Amino acid sequence: MKTRHIVALIAGCTLYAAAAFGETQQTVLGGYSTQAGSSFTPSPDRGRSLFAANHSASADFPSCTKCHGSDPGASGKHAITGKTIAPMSARANPERFTDAAKTEKWFRRNCREVIGRECSAGEKADVLAYLIKGS
């Protein structure tokens, strides 16, 4: 079995165990960090840069801040529907990122719409580090 598959298996088991025993933001962040590799350290600065960058994959959603706003501690507003979006910051919204499955669904949808592809585990860990620790 290749190293990458072993790391993915371990990360999957970590996320499964977290789901079975109650997840925390740190558990979800740790799962993505593990998937990214043993030498990876999440960076709130890289996460902030990715969150604020204009990716131009979509005219409707050029950046995360288009809907979520530049202040993760404040509510956002969906660019098309106008629906209010609860703050992304874990400090302002303690329920945020406490469910690995919901977090993965959020990343899958938003990365595809904004960046035009799936985010890597490292990118997910960086954004979570920013929204959990750095915002």
Protein backbone atom coordinates (compact mmCIF):
# COMPACT_ATOMS: atom_id res chain seq x y z
CA MET A 1 0.00 0.00 0.00
CA LYS A 2 1.44 3.37 -0.94
CA THR A 3 2.20 5.95 1.74
CA ARG A 4 -0.45 8.32 0.41
CA HIS A 5 -3.11 5.62 0.78
CA ILE A 6 -1.97 4.81 4.30
CA VAL A 7 -2.13 8.49 5.29
CA ALA A 8 -5.62 8.79 3.77
CA LEU A 9 -6.72 5.65 5.62
CA ILE A 10 -5.40 6.98 8.94
CA ALA A 11 -7.03 10.36 8.35
CA GLY A 12 -10.32 8.68 7.46
CA CYS A 13 -10.17 6.62 10.64
CA THR A 14 -9.44 9.78 12.62
CA LEU A 15 -12.48 11.52 11.13
CA TYR A 16 -14.63 8.42 11.70
CA ALA A 17 -13.52 8.18 15.33
CA ALA A 18 -14.23 11.88 15.77
CA ALA A 19 -17.75 11.37 14.43
CA ALA A 20 -18.32 8.45 16.78
CA PHE A 21 -17.07 10.20 19.90
CA GLY A 22 -18.04 13.83 19.32
CA GLU A 23 -16.06 16.12 17.08
CA THR A 24 -14.33 19.33 17.93
CA GLN A 25 -12.92 21.96 15.62
CA GLN A 26 -9.42 20.80 16.53
CA THR A 27 -10.32 17.20 15.62
CA VAL A 28 -11.60 18.24 12.21
CA LEU A 29 -8.53 20.44 11.65
CA GLY A 30 -6.29 17.58 12.76
CA GLY A 31 -7.90 15.22 10.25
CA TYR A 32 -7.07 17.52 7.34
CA SER A 33 -3.57 18.14 8.70
CA THR A 34 -2.94 14.39 8.88
CA GLN A 35 -4.19 13.95 5.32
CA ALA A 36 -1.81 16.71 4.18
CA GLY A 37 1.22 14.81 5.45
CA SER A 38 3.46 14.36 8.46
CA SER A 39 5.58 17.43 7.77
CA PHE A 40 2.58 19.72 7.19
CA THR A 41 1.75 22.49 9.66
CA PRO A 42 -1.49 24.46 9.09
CA SER A 43 -0.97 28.18 8.57
CA PRO A 44 -3.65 30.76 9.43
CA ASP A 45 -1.79 33.22 7.17
CA ARG A 46 -1.99 30.91 4.15
CA GLY A 47 -5.63 30.25 5.04
CA ARG A 48 -6.41 33.97 5.16
CA SER A 49 -4.74 34.46 1.78
CA LEU A 50 -6.71 31.62 0.17
CA PHE A 51 -9.97 32.84 1.72
CA ALA A 52 -9.46 36.41 0.46
CA ALA A 53 -7.90 35.67 -2.95
CA ASN A 54 -9.75 36.34 -6.20
CA HIS A 55 -9.75 32.98 -7.96
CA SER A 56 -11.98 34.01 -10.88
CA ALA A 57 -13.32 30.49 -11.40
CA SER A 58 -16.80 31.97 -11.40
CA ALA A 59 -18.13 35.45 -12.13
CA ASP A 60 -20.70 34.95 -9.36
CA PHE A 61 -18.23 33.69 -6.75
CA PRO A 62 -14.74 35.14 -7.41
CA SER A 63 -13.61 34.76 -3.79
CA CYS A 64 -14.80 33.35 -0.47
CA THR A 65 -15.27 36.91 0.76
CA LYS A 66 -17.88 37.59 -1.95
CA CYS A 67 -20.46 35.77 0.19
CA HIS A 68 -18.78 35.36 3.58
CA GLY A 69 -17.42 38.92 3.79
CA SER A 70 -13.91 40.05 4.67
CA ASP A 71 -14.59 39.78 8.42
CA PRO A 72 -15.15 36.10 9.32
CA GLY A 73 -16.58 37.23 12.66
CA ALA A 74 -19.52 38.94 10.94
CA SER A 75 -22.45 37.45 9.06
CA GLY A 76 -22.21 37.21 5.30
CA LYS A 77 -24.78 37.27 2.52
CA HIS A 78 -25.02 34.81 -0.37
CA ALA A 79 -24.20 36.64 -3.60
CA ILE A 80 -27.12 35.18 -5.55
CA THR A 81 -29.87 34.25 -3.08
CA GLY A 82 -29.26 37.05 -0.59
CA LYS A 83 -29.56 34.50 2.24
CA THR A 84 -27.74 35.47 5.42
CA ILE A 85 -24.73 33.29 6.20
CA ALA A 86 -23.73 32.81 9.84
CA PRO A 87 -20.21 34.02 10.74
CA MET A 88 -17.40 31.74 9.60
CA SER A 89 -15.18 32.45 12.59
CA ALA A 90 -15.25 29.70 15.18
CA ARG A 91 -15.02 32.38 17.87
CA ALA A 92 -18.18 34.09 16.63
CA ASN A 93 -19.95 30.84 15.76
CA PRO A 94 -18.80 28.00 18.08
CA GLU A 95 -20.86 25.40 16.20
CA ARG A 96 -18.87 26.01 13.02
CA PHE A 97 -16.56 23.15 11.91
CA THR A 98 -17.59 20.71 14.65
CA ASP A 99 -18.92 18.13 12.20
CA ALA A 100 -16.38 16.59 9.79
CA ALA A 101 -19.01 15.53 7.23
CA LYS A 102 -20.62 19.00 7.11
CA THR A 103 -17.21 20.65 6.93
CA GLU A 104 -16.16 18.40 4.03
CA LYS A 105 -19.45 19.11 2.22
CA TRP A 106 -18.90 22.85 2.72
CA PHE A 107 -15.35 22.64 1.33
CA ARG A 108 -16.38 20.45 -1.61
CA ARG A 109 -19.13 22.84 -2.70
CA ASN A 110 -17.31 26.10 -2.05
CA CYS A 111 -13.92 25.09 -3.45
CA ARG A 112 -15.53 23.94 -6.68
CA GLU A 113 -17.63 27.12 -7.00
CA VAL A 114 -14.92 29.60 -6.05
CA ILE A 115 -11.60 28.01 -6.99
CA GLY A 116 -12.93 25.74 -9.73
CA ARG A 117 -11.53 22.53 -8.23
CA GLU A 118 -11.45 20.54 -5.01
CA CYS A 119 -9.19 22.03 -2.35
CA SER A 120 -6.27 19.95 -1.15
CA ALA A 121 -6.21 18.69 2.43
CA GLY A 122 -3.49 21.25 3.16
CA GLU A 123 -5.60 24.10 1.79
CA LYS A 124 -8.56 22.96 3.89
CA ALA A 125 -6.35 22.78 7.00
CA ASP A 126 -4.97 26.26 6.31
CA VAL A 127 -8.44 27.79 5.88
CA LEU A 128 -9.66 26.05 9.05
CA ALA A 129 -6.58 27.25 10.95
CA TYR A 130 -7.47 30.79 9.89
CA LEU A 131 -11.17 30.49 10.73
CA ILE A 132 -10.61 28.60 13.99
CA LYS A 133 -7.44 30.18 15.35
CA GLY A 134 -6.66 33.28 13.38
CA SER A 135 -9.95 35.08 12.91
